[in-house]
Amino acid sequence: MKKHIPYILAVILAGFGLLTFFLSTSVIFDLFGIRAKEGNYVLFVVWSNFISSIIYIFAAYGYVKGKKWTATLLGVSTLILVSAIVGLLFHANSGGIYEAKTIKAMVFRISVTLLFAIIAHFTITKKKS
């Protein structure tokens, strides 16, 4: 069973990445009417999600191949997302419009990304050292 854990994590991360990629590109390029459904989206948050979605897909590959850079890549994604939520909070405090669900979604996304980074650190990086 331990042998299958990296594959399970990779599938979950790839699925999360592909879903994020679909949703962020749909908002950025106004596909399938998703932009209208999102309401008051903040474009730099959507772009940070887009960049993270690409990172998730590469990190999924890193999980499968046991690459030491997987944790670093996910750490970079976490930093991008933290920067985006800090920017979002400045945007909100300066009177910018946004959806309240965006903050909840960003906290969730940061938590998931950080969790995957920690798992990668302890299962790949520490193991390879």
N, C-alpha and C. Protein backbone atom coordinates (compact mmCIF):
# COMPACT_ATOMS: atom_id res chain seq x y z
N MET A 1 0.82 -1.21 0.00
CA MET A 1 0.00 0.00 0.00
C MET A 1 0.86 1.26 0.00
N LYS A 2 1.99 1.25 0.74
CA LYS A 2 2.86 2.42 0.79
C LYS A 2 3.35 2.80 -0.60
N LYS A 3 3.49 1.81 -1.46
CA LYS A 3 3.96 2.03 -2.82
C LYS A 3 2.96 2.86 -3.63
N HIS A 4 1.70 2.76 -3.27
CA HIS A 4 0.65 3.43 -4.04
C HIS A 4 0.39 4.87 -3.58
N ILE A 5 0.87 5.24 -2.42
CA ILE A 5 0.60 6.56 -1.86
C ILE A 5 1.06 7.69 -2.79
N PRO A 6 2.27 7.65 -3.34
CA PRO A 6 2.66 8.75 -4.25
C PRO A 6 1.73 8.87 -5.46
N TYR A 7 1.24 7.75 -5.95
CA TYR A 7 0.33 7.77 -7.10
C TYR A 7 -1.03 8.36 -6.72
N ILE A 8 -1.51 7.99 -5.54
CA ILE A 8 -2.78 8.53 -5.06
C ILE A 8 -2.66 10.04 -4.87
N LEU A 9 -1.57 10.47 -4.22
CA LEU A 9 -1.35 11.90 -4.03
C LEU A 9 -1.22 12.62 -5.36
N ALA A 10 -0.53 12.00 -6.31
CA ALA A 10 -0.36 12.61 -7.63
C ALA A 10 -1.69 12.77 -8.35
N VAL A 11 -2.55 11.77 -8.24
CA VAL A 11 -3.86 11.84 -8.90
C VAL A 11 -4.70 12.95 -8.28
N ILE A 12 -4.69 13.02 -6.95
CA ILE A 12 -5.46 14.08 -6.26
C ILE A 12 -4.92 15.46 -6.65
N LEU A 13 -3.61 15.60 -6.62
CA LEU A 13 -2.99 16.89 -6.95
C LEU A 13 -3.22 17.26 -8.41
N ALA A 14 -3.10 16.29 -9.30
CA ALA A 14 -3.35 16.56 -10.73
C ALA A 14 -4.80 16.94 -10.96
N GLY A 15 -5.72 16.26 -10.29
CA GLY A 15 -7.14 16.60 -10.41
C GLY A 15 -7.42 18.01 -9.90
N PHE A 16 -6.83 18.34 -8.77
CA PHE A 16 -6.96 19.68 -8.21
C PHE A 16 -6.37 20.71 -9.17
N GLY A 17 -5.22 20.38 -9.75
CA GLY A 17 -4.57 21.27 -10.70
C GLY A 17 -5.38 21.47 -11.97
N LEU A 18 -5.92 20.38 -12.50
CA LEU A 18 -6.71 20.48 -13.73
C LEU A 18 -8.01 21.26 -13.50
N LEU A 19 -8.65 21.02 -12.36
CA LEU A 19 -9.86 21.78 -12.03
C LEU A 19 -9.55 23.26 -11.89
N THR A 20 -8.46 23.57 -11.19
CA THR A 20 -8.04 24.96 -11.01
C THR A 20 -7.68 25.59 -12.36
N PHE A 21 -6.99 24.84 -13.20
CA PHE A 21 -6.63 25.33 -14.53
C PHE A 21 -7.88 25.66 -15.34
N PHE A 22 -8.84 24.74 -15.33
CA PHE A 22 -10.09 24.96 -16.07
C PHE A 22 -10.82 26.21 -15.57
N LEU A 23 -10.97 26.30 -14.26
CA LEU A 23 -11.73 27.43 -13.71
C LEU A 23 -11.02 28.76 -13.91
N SER A 24 -9.71 28.78 -13.69
CA SER A 24 -8.99 30.06 -13.84
C SER A 24 -8.92 30.50 -15.30
N THR A 25 -8.68 29.58 -16.22
CA THR A 25 -8.67 29.98 -17.64
C THR A 25 -10.06 30.38 -18.11
N SER A 26 -11.08 29.75 -17.55
CA SER A 26 -12.45 30.11 -17.92
C SER A 26 -12.78 31.54 -17.49
N VAL A 27 -12.26 31.97 -16.35
CA VAL A 27 -12.49 33.34 -15.90
C VAL A 27 -11.62 34.30 -16.70
N ILE A 28 -10.34 33.97 -16.86
CA ILE A 28 -9.42 34.87 -17.57
C ILE A 28 -9.86 35.11 -19.01
N PHE A 29 -10.27 34.03 -19.69
CA PHE A 29 -10.63 34.14 -21.11
C PHE A 29 -12.13 34.17 -21.35
N ASP A 30 -12.91 34.29 -20.29
CA ASP A 30 -14.38 34.38 -20.36
C ASP A 30 -14.98 33.22 -21.16
N LEU A 31 -14.65 32.01 -20.74
CA LEU A 31 -15.16 30.81 -21.40
C LEU A 31 -16.35 30.25 -20.64
N PHE A 32 -17.31 29.72 -21.37
CA PHE A 32 -18.45 28.98 -20.82
C PHE A 32 -19.31 29.80 -19.85
N GLY A 33 -19.22 31.09 -19.89
CA GLY A 33 -20.03 31.94 -19.02
C GLY A 33 -19.64 31.88 -17.55
N ILE A 34 -18.47 31.34 -17.26
CA ILE A 34 -18.05 31.19 -15.87
C ILE A 34 -17.68 32.54 -15.26
N ARG A 35 -17.16 33.45 -16.07
CA ARG A 35 -16.79 34.78 -15.54
C ARG A 35 -17.99 35.46 -14.91
N ALA A 36 -19.13 35.40 -15.57
CA ALA A 36 -20.33 36.03 -15.04
C ALA A 36 -20.79 35.35 -13.74
N LYS A 37 -20.62 34.04 -13.67
CA LYS A 37 -21.04 33.30 -12.48
C LYS A 37 -20.13 33.59 -11.28
N GLU A 38 -18.90 33.99 -11.53
CA GLU A 38 -17.96 34.26 -10.45
C GLU A 38 -18.23 35.58 -9.75
N GLY A 39 -18.96 36.46 -10.38
CA GLY A 39 -19.27 37.73 -9.74
C GLY A 39 -18.08 38.67 -9.73
N ASN A 40 -17.81 39.26 -8.59
CA ASN A 40 -16.74 40.26 -8.45
C ASN A 40 -15.40 39.58 -8.18
N TYR A 41 -14.84 39.00 -9.20
CA TYR A 41 -13.55 38.33 -9.06
C TYR A 41 -12.43 39.37 -9.08
N VAL A 42 -11.29 38.99 -8.52
CA VAL A 42 -10.12 39.86 -8.49
C VAL A 42 -9.10 39.20 -9.41
N LEU A 43 -8.73 39.90 -10.47
CA LEU A 43 -7.95 39.29 -11.54
C LEU A 43 -6.59 38.75 -11.08
N PHE A 44 -5.88 39.46 -10.21
CA PHE A 44 -4.56 38.95 -9.80
C PHE A 44 -4.69 37.66 -8.97
N VAL A 45 -5.81 37.48 -8.29
CA VAL A 45 -6.06 36.23 -7.56
C VAL A 45 -6.28 35.09 -8.56
N VAL A 46 -7.03 35.38 -9.61
CA VAL A 46 -7.29 34.37 -10.64
C VAL A 46 -5.98 33.99 -11.32
N TRP A 47 -5.12 34.96 -11.59
CA TRP A 47 -3.83 34.66 -12.22
C TRP A 47 -2.93 33.85 -11.29
N SER A 48 -2.97 34.14 -10.00
CA SER A 48 -2.15 33.34 -9.07
C SER A 48 -2.67 31.90 -9.01
N ASN A 49 -3.98 31.73 -9.09
CA ASN A 49 -4.55 30.38 -9.15
C ASN A 49 -4.14 29.68 -10.44
N PHE A 50 -4.12 30.40 -11.53
CA PHE A 50 -3.71 29.84 -12.82
C PHE A 50 -2.26 29.35 -12.76
N ILE A 51 -1.38 30.19 -12.24
CA ILE A 51 0.04 29.81 -12.12
C ILE A 51 0.17 28.60 -11.20
N SER A 52 -0.56 28.60 -10.11
CA SER A 52 -0.51 27.46 -9.19
C SER A 52 -1.04 26.19 -9.84
N SER A 53 -2.02 26.31 -10.69
CA SER A 53 -2.56 25.11 -11.35
C SER A 53 -1.49 24.42 -12.20
N ILE A 54 -0.68 25.20 -12.87
CA ILE A 54 0.41 24.63 -13.67
C ILE A 54 1.44 23.98 -12.75
N ILE A 55 1.74 24.65 -11.64
CA ILE A 55 2.67 24.09 -10.67
C ILE A 55 2.15 22.77 -10.11
N TYR A 56 0.85 22.69 -9.84
CA TYR A 56 0.27 21.45 -9.30
C TYR A 56 0.48 20.29 -10.27
N ILE A 57 0.33 20.55 -11.54
CA ILE A 57 0.49 19.48 -12.53
C ILE A 57 1.94 18.99 -12.57
N PHE A 58 2.89 19.92 -12.55
CA PHE A 58 4.30 19.52 -12.49
C PHE A 58 4.61 18.79 -11.19
N ALA A 59 4.04 19.26 -10.09
CA ALA A 59 4.28 18.63 -8.79
C ALA A 59 3.69 17.21 -8.76
N ALA A 60 2.58 17.00 -9.43
CA ALA A 60 2.00 15.65 -9.51
C ALA A 60 3.00 14.71 -10.18
N TYR A 61 3.62 15.18 -11.24
CA TYR A 61 4.68 14.41 -11.91
C TYR A 61 5.83 14.15 -10.93
N GLY A 62 6.19 15.16 -10.17
CA GLY A 62 7.26 15.03 -9.19
C GLY A 62 6.95 13.99 -8.13
N TYR A 63 5.68 13.91 -7.71
CA TYR A 63 5.27 12.89 -6.75
C TYR A 63 5.49 11.49 -7.32
N VAL A 64 5.05 11.29 -8.56
CA VAL A 64 5.15 9.98 -9.18
C VAL A 64 6.61 9.57 -9.36
N LYS A 65 7.45 10.50 -9.77
CA LYS A 65 8.86 10.21 -10.03
C LYS A 65 9.75 10.35 -8.80
N GLY A 66 9.18 10.80 -7.69
CA GLY A 66 9.96 10.96 -6.47
C GLY A 66 11.04 12.03 -6.57
N LYS A 67 10.72 13.12 -7.25
CA LYS A 67 11.68 14.21 -7.45
C LYS A 67 11.76 15.10 -6.21
N LYS A 68 12.99 15.41 -5.81
CA LYS A 68 13.21 16.22 -4.61
C LYS A 68 12.66 17.64 -4.75
N TRP A 69 12.54 18.14 -5.96
CA TRP A 69 12.08 19.50 -6.17
C TRP A 69 10.57 19.66 -5.98
N THR A 70 9.86 18.56 -5.78
CA THR A 70 8.40 18.63 -5.64
C THR A 70 7.98 19.52 -4.46
N ALA A 71 8.62 19.33 -3.32
CA ALA A 71 8.28 20.13 -2.14
C ALA A 71 8.61 21.60 -2.37
N THR A 72 9.73 21.87 -3.03
CA THR A 72 10.12 23.25 -3.31
C THR A 72 9.10 23.91 -4.24
N LEU A 73 8.70 23.18 -5.26
CA LEU A 73 7.72 23.70 -6.22
C LEU A 73 6.41 24.04 -5.52
N LEU A 74 5.96 23.15 -4.66
CA LEU A 74 4.71 23.40 -3.92
C LEU A 74 4.89 24.53 -2.90
N GLY A 75 6.09 24.67 -2.36
CA GLY A 75 6.39 25.79 -1.48
C GLY A 75 6.30 27.12 -2.22
N VAL A 76 6.81 27.15 -3.44
CA VAL A 76 6.71 28.35 -4.28
C VAL A 76 5.24 28.67 -4.56
N SER A 77 4.47 27.65 -4.86
CA SER A 77 3.04 27.86 -5.10
C SER A 77 2.36 28.43 -3.86
N THR A 78 2.72 27.91 -2.70
CA THR A 78 2.16 28.42 -1.44
C THR A 78 2.50 29.90 -1.27
N LEU A 79 3.74 30.27 -1.56
CA LEU A 79 4.15 31.68 -1.45
C LEU A 79 3.38 32.57 -2.43
N ILE A 80 3.17 32.07 -3.63
CA ILE A 80 2.39 32.83 -4.62
C ILE A 80 0.97 33.05 -4.10
N LEU A 81 0.37 32.01 -3.54
CA LEU A 81 -1.00 32.12 -3.05
C LEU A 81 -1.09 33.01 -1.81
N VAL A 82 -0.09 32.92 -0.93
CA VAL A 82 -0.08 33.80 0.24
C VAL A 82 0.06 35.25 -0.20
N SER A 83 0.93 35.50 -1.17
CA SER A 83 1.07 36.86 -1.71
C SER A 83 -0.25 37.36 -2.29
N ALA A 84 -0.95 36.46 -2.97
CA ALA A 84 -2.24 36.84 -3.57
C ALA A 84 -3.29 37.17 -2.50
N ILE A 85 -3.32 36.39 -1.42
CA ILE A 85 -4.33 36.69 -0.39
C ILE A 85 -3.98 37.97 0.36
N VAL A 86 -2.69 38.23 0.56
CA VAL A 86 -2.28 39.50 1.18
C VAL A 86 -2.71 40.65 0.27
N GLY A 87 -2.46 40.52 -1.03
CA GLY A 87 -2.91 41.53 -1.99
C GLY A 87 -4.42 41.68 -1.98
N LEU A 88 -5.12 40.56 -1.87
CA LEU A 88 -6.58 40.60 -1.82
C LEU A 88 -7.06 41.34 -0.58
N LEU A 89 -6.41 41.12 0.55
CA LEU A 89 -6.80 41.81 1.77
C LEU A 89 -6.54 43.32 1.66
N PHE A 90 -5.42 43.70 1.06
CA PHE A 90 -5.17 45.13 0.80
C PHE A 90 -6.23 45.70 -0.13
N HIS A 91 -6.55 44.95 -1.17
CA HIS A 91 -7.58 45.35 -2.14
C HIS A 91 -8.92 45.55 -1.42
N ALA A 92 -9.28 44.60 -0.57
CA ALA A 92 -10.56 44.68 0.14
C ALA A 92 -10.58 45.85 1.12
N ASN A 93 -9.48 46.04 1.85
CA ASN A 93 -9.41 47.12 2.84
C ASN A 93 -9.37 48.50 2.22
N SER A 94 -8.97 48.58 0.95
CA SER A 94 -8.95 49.88 0.28
C SER A 94 -10.24 50.14 -0.48
N GLY A 95 -11.25 49.30 -0.22
CA GLY A 95 -12.56 49.53 -0.82
C GLY A 95 -12.79 48.82 -2.14
N GLY A 96 -11.89 47.98 -2.55
CA GLY A 96 -12.07 47.22 -3.79
C GLY A 96 -13.17 46.19 -3.65
N ILE A 97 -13.84 45.91 -4.76
CA ILE A 97 -14.91 44.92 -4.70
C ILE A 97 -14.34 43.51 -4.87
N TYR A 98 -14.96 42.58 -4.18
CA TYR A 98 -14.53 41.19 -4.20
C TYR A 98 -15.67 40.33 -3.66
N GLU A 99 -15.55 39.04 -3.82
CA GLU A 99 -16.52 38.11 -3.26
C GLU A 99 -15.96 37.56 -1.95
N ALA A 100 -16.77 37.47 -0.93
CA ALA A 100 -16.33 36.93 0.36
C ALA A 100 -15.87 35.49 0.21
N LYS A 101 -16.49 34.77 -0.71
CA LYS A 101 -16.11 33.36 -0.91
C LYS A 101 -14.68 33.23 -1.43
N THR A 102 -14.14 34.30 -2.01
CA THR A 102 -12.77 34.27 -2.53
C THR A 102 -11.77 34.10 -1.39
N ILE A 103 -11.99 34.77 -0.28
CA ILE A 103 -11.08 34.64 0.86
C ILE A 103 -11.12 33.22 1.40
N LYS A 104 -12.32 32.66 1.55
CA LYS A 104 -12.45 31.28 2.02
C LYS A 104 -11.77 30.31 1.06
N ALA A 105 -11.97 30.53 -0.23
CA ALA A 105 -11.37 29.65 -1.23
C ALA A 105 -9.84 29.75 -1.21
N MET A 106 -9.32 30.95 -1.01
CA MET A 106 -7.87 31.13 -0.96
C MET A 106 -7.27 30.47 0.28
N VAL A 107 -7.94 30.59 1.41
CA VAL A 107 -7.46 29.93 2.63
C VAL A 107 -7.45 28.41 2.42
N PHE A 108 -8.50 27.89 1.81
CA PHE A 108 -8.56 26.46 1.51
C PHE A 108 -7.42 26.06 0.57
N ARG A 109 -7.23 26.81 -0.50
CA ARG A 109 -6.20 26.50 -1.50
C ARG A 109 -4.79 26.56 -0.88
N ILE A 110 -4.55 27.57 -0.06
CA ILE A 110 -3.25 27.68 0.61
C ILE A 110 -3.04 26.49 1.53
N SER A 111 -4.06 26.11 2.28
CA SER A 111 -3.96 24.97 3.20
C SER A 111 -3.66 23.68 2.46
N VAL A 112 -4.37 23.44 1.37
CA VAL A 112 -4.16 22.22 0.59
C VAL A 112 -2.75 22.21 -0.01
N THR A 113 -2.34 23.32 -0.57
CA THR A 113 -1.01 23.41 -1.18
C THR A 113 0.08 23.20 -0.14
N LEU A 114 -0.06 23.84 1.01
CA LEU A 114 0.92 23.68 2.08
C LEU A 114 0.95 22.23 2.58
N LEU A 115 -0.20 21.61 2.70
CA LEU A 115 -0.27 20.21 3.12
C LEU A 115 0.49 19.31 2.14
N PHE A 116 0.25 19.50 0.84
CA PHE A 116 0.96 18.72 -0.17
C PHE A 116 2.46 18.99 -0.13
N ALA A 117 2.85 20.23 0.13
CA ALA A 117 4.28 20.56 0.22
C ALA A 117 4.92 19.86 1.42
N ILE A 118 4.23 19.84 2.54
CA ILE A 118 4.75 19.18 3.74
C ILE A 118 4.85 17.68 3.51
N ILE A 119 3.83 17.11 2.92
CA ILE A 119 3.87 15.67 2.63
C ILE A 119 5.03 15.35 1.69
N ALA A 120 5.20 16.17 0.65
CA ALA A 120 6.31 15.95 -0.29
C ALA A 120 7.65 16.07 0.42
N HIS A 121 7.75 17.03 1.32
CA HIS A 121 9.01 17.21 2.06
C HIS A 121 9.36 15.95 2.86
N PHE A 122 8.39 15.43 3.58
CA PHE A 122 8.68 14.29 4.45
C PHE A 122 8.72 12.95 3.71
N THR A 123 8.01 12.84 2.61
CA THR A 123 8.00 11.55 1.90
C THR A 123 9.03 11.46 0.78
N ILE A 124 9.42 12.60 0.22
CA ILE A 124 10.38 12.57 -0.89
C ILE A 124 11.71 13.17 -0.48
N THR A 125 11.70 14.43 -0.07
CA THR A 125 12.94 15.15 0.21
C THR A 125 13.72 14.50 1.35
N LYS A 126 13.07 14.24 2.46
CA LYS A 126 13.74 13.63 3.61
C LYS A 126 14.21 12.21 3.29
N LYS A 127 13.40 11.49 2.53
CA LYS A 127 13.70 10.11 2.17
C LYS A 127 14.93 10.03 1.25
N LYS A 128 15.06 11.00 0.35
CA LYS A 128 16.17 11.01 -0.62
C LYS A 128 17.48 11.52 -0.01
N SER A 129 17.37 12.26 1.10
CA SER A 129 18.58 12.84 1.72
C SER A 129 19.43 11.81 2.42
